[in-house]
C-alpha atoms as a PDB file:
ATOM      1  CA  UNK A   1       1.537  -8.577  18.286  1.00  0.00           C
ATOM      2  CA  UNK A   2      -1.982  -7.444  17.343  1.00  0.00           C
ATOM      3  CA  UNK A   3      -0.878  -6.062  13.991  1.00  0.00           C
ATOM      4  CA  UNK A   4      -3.307  -5.785  11.124  1.00  0.00           C
ATOM      5  CA  UNK A   5      -2.834  -7.277   7.665  1.00  0.00           C
ATOM      6  CA  UNK A   6      -4.672  -6.069   4.588  1.00  0.00           C
ATOM      7  CA  UNK A   7      -4.494  -7.774   1.203  1.00  0.00           C
ATOM      8  CA  UNK A   8      -5.444  -5.584  -1.745  1.00  0.00           C
ATOM      9  CA  UNK A   9      -6.439  -7.146  -5.063  1.00  0.00           C
ATOM     10  CA  UNK A  10      -6.008  -4.472  -7.733  1.00  0.00           C
ATOM     11  CA  UNK A  11      -8.376  -3.958 -10.643  1.00  0.00           C
ATOM     12  CA  UNK A  12      -5.437  -2.836 -12.797  1.00  0.00           C
ATOM     13  CA  UNK A  13      -2.091  -3.528 -11.105  1.00  0.00           C
ATOM     14  CA  UNK A  14      -0.226  -1.167 -13.451  1.00  0.00           C
ATOM     15  CA  UNK A  15      -2.331   1.817 -12.312  1.00  0.00           C
ATOM     16  CA  UNK A  16      -0.244   4.351 -10.388  1.00  0.00           C
ATOM     17  CA  UNK A  17      -1.388   5.500  -6.957  1.00  0.00           C
ATOM     18  CA  UNK A  18      -3.072   2.410  -5.512  1.00  0.00           C
ATOM     19  CA  UNK A  19      -0.638   2.155  -2.606  1.00  0.00           C
ATOM     20  CA  UNK A  20      -0.743   5.935  -2.073  1.00  0.00           C
ATOM     21  CA  UNK A  21      -4.545   6.062  -1.873  1.00  0.00           C
ATOM     22  CA  UNK A  22      -4.822   3.114   0.506  1.00  0.00           C
ATOM     23  CA  UNK A  23      -1.986   4.451   2.682  1.00  0.00           C
ATOM     24  CA  UNK A  24      -3.702   7.842   2.889  1.00  0.00           C
ATOM     25  CA  UNK A  25      -6.957   6.238   4.049  1.00  0.00           C
ATOM     26  CA  UNK A  26      -5.119   4.269   6.721  1.00  0.00           C
ATOM     27  CA  UNK A  27      -3.084   7.279   7.894  1.00  0.00           C
ATOM     28  CA  UNK A  28      -6.101   9.587   8.137  1.00  0.00           C
ATOM     29  CA  UNK A  29      -7.578   7.049  10.559  1.00  0.00           C
ATOM     30  CA  UNK A  30      -4.510   7.362  12.803  1.00  0.00           C
ATOM     31  CA  UNK A  31      -3.156   3.912  12.009  1.00  0.00           C
ATOM     32  CA  UNK A  32       0.556   3.537  11.267  1.00  0.00           C
ATOM     33  CA  UNK A  33       1.803   1.314   8.485  1.00  0.00           C
ATOM     34  CA  UNK A  34       4.649  -0.941   9.556  1.00  0.00           C
ATOM     35  CA  UNK A  35       5.311  -2.520   6.177  1.00  0.00           C
ATOM     36  CA  UNK A  36       3.974  -2.635   2.610  1.00  0.00           C
ATOM     37  CA  UNK A  37       4.748  -5.488   0.229  1.00  0.00           C
ATOM     38  CA  UNK A  38       3.858  -5.125  -3.432  1.00  0.00           C
ATOM     39  CA  UNK A  39       4.111  -7.852  -6.070  1.00  0.00           C
ATOM     40  CA  UNK A  40       5.583  -6.683  -9.367  1.00  0.00           C
ATOM     41  CA  UNK A  41       2.764  -6.809 -11.895  1.00  0.00           C
ATOM     42  CA  UNK A  42       5.191  -7.682 -14.696  1.00  0.00           C
ATOM     43  CA  UNK A  43       6.334 -10.866 -12.949  1.00  0.00           C
ATOM     44  CA  UNK A  44       3.438 -12.011 -10.742  1.00  0.00           C
ATOM     45  CA  UNK A  45       0.458 -13.785 -12.307  1.00  0.00           C
ATOM     46  CA  UNK A  46      -1.961 -12.323  -9.744  1.00  0.00           C
ATOM     47  CA  UNK A  47      -0.156  -9.356  -8.147  1.00  0.00           C
ATOM     48  CA  UNK A  48      -1.225  -8.249  -4.696  1.00  0.00           C
ATOM     49  CA  UNK A  49      -0.500  -5.473  -2.240  1.00  0.00           C
ATOM     50  CA  UNK A  50      -0.063  -6.445   1.407  1.00  0.00           C
ATOM     51  CA  UNK A  51      -0.067  -3.781   4.121  1.00  0.00           C
ATOM     52  CA  UNK A  52       0.884  -4.556   7.707  1.00  0.00           C
ATOM     53  CA  UNK A  53      -0.381  -2.022  10.232  1.00  0.00           C
ATOM     54  CA  UNK A  54       0.402  -1.291  13.868  1.00  0.00           C
ATOM     55  CA  UNK A  55      -3.068  -2.434  14.929  1.00  0.00           C
ATOM     56  CA  UNK A  56      -6.074  -4.224  13.489  1.00  0.00           C
ATOM     57  CA  UNK A  57      -8.032  -2.377  10.809  1.00  0.00           C
ATOM     58  CA  UNK A  58     -11.604  -1.718  11.964  1.00  0.00           C
ATOM     59  CA  UNK A  59     -14.271  -3.309   9.810  1.00  0.00           C
ATOM     60  CA  UNK A  60     -15.840   0.097   9.261  1.00  0.00           C
ATOM     61  CA  UNK A  61     -12.815   1.067   7.156  1.00  0.00           C
ATOM     62  CA  UNK A  62     -13.266  -1.851   4.759  1.00  0.00           C
ATOM     63  CA  UNK A  63     -15.755  -0.070   2.464  1.00  0.00           C
ATOM     64  CA  UNK A  64     -13.577   3.042   2.302  1.00  0.00           C
ATOM     65  CA  UNK A  65     -10.488   1.048   1.331  1.00  0.00           C
ATOM     66  CA  UNK A  66     -12.495  -0.971  -1.192  1.00  0.00           C
ATOM     67  CA  UNK A  67     -13.608   2.308  -2.825  1.00  0.00           C
ATOM     68  CA  UNK A  68     -10.013   3.541  -3.260  1.00  0.00           C
ATOM     69  CA  UNK A  69      -8.606   4.062  -6.735  1.00  0.00           C
ATOM     70  CA  UNK A  70      -7.629   0.820  -8.446  1.00  0.00           C
ATOM     71  CA  UNK A  71      -8.894  -1.509  -5.700  1.00  0.00           C
ATOM     72  CA  UNK A  72     -10.979  -4.464  -6.846  1.00  0.00           C
ATOM     73  CA  UNK A  73     -11.175  -6.334  -3.525  1.00  0.00           C
ATOM     74  CA  UNK A  74      -9.884  -6.164   0.043  1.00  0.00           C
ATOM     75  CA  UNK A  75      -9.152  -8.974   2.479  1.00  0.00           C
ATOM     76  CA  UNK A  76      -8.496  -8.122   6.124  1.00  0.00           C
ATOM     77  CA  UNK A  77      -6.708 -10.743   8.217  1.00  0.00           C
END
């Protein structure tokens, strides 16, 4: 299907706006988000944010996403 998958490891999972900032970065690069899955930080031991996109995320976007508010690490599958 050639979709992209991004796993975001938050620095502080209770911080508002992590999903919004990452989604804005993706959208400004003309990539559509098909799905976003967020673990509840009150129930998950190591909460994560998973974003599935319509196409693969270019490696050049990795540093920009990593610099987004509340992002500790990024894994692109």
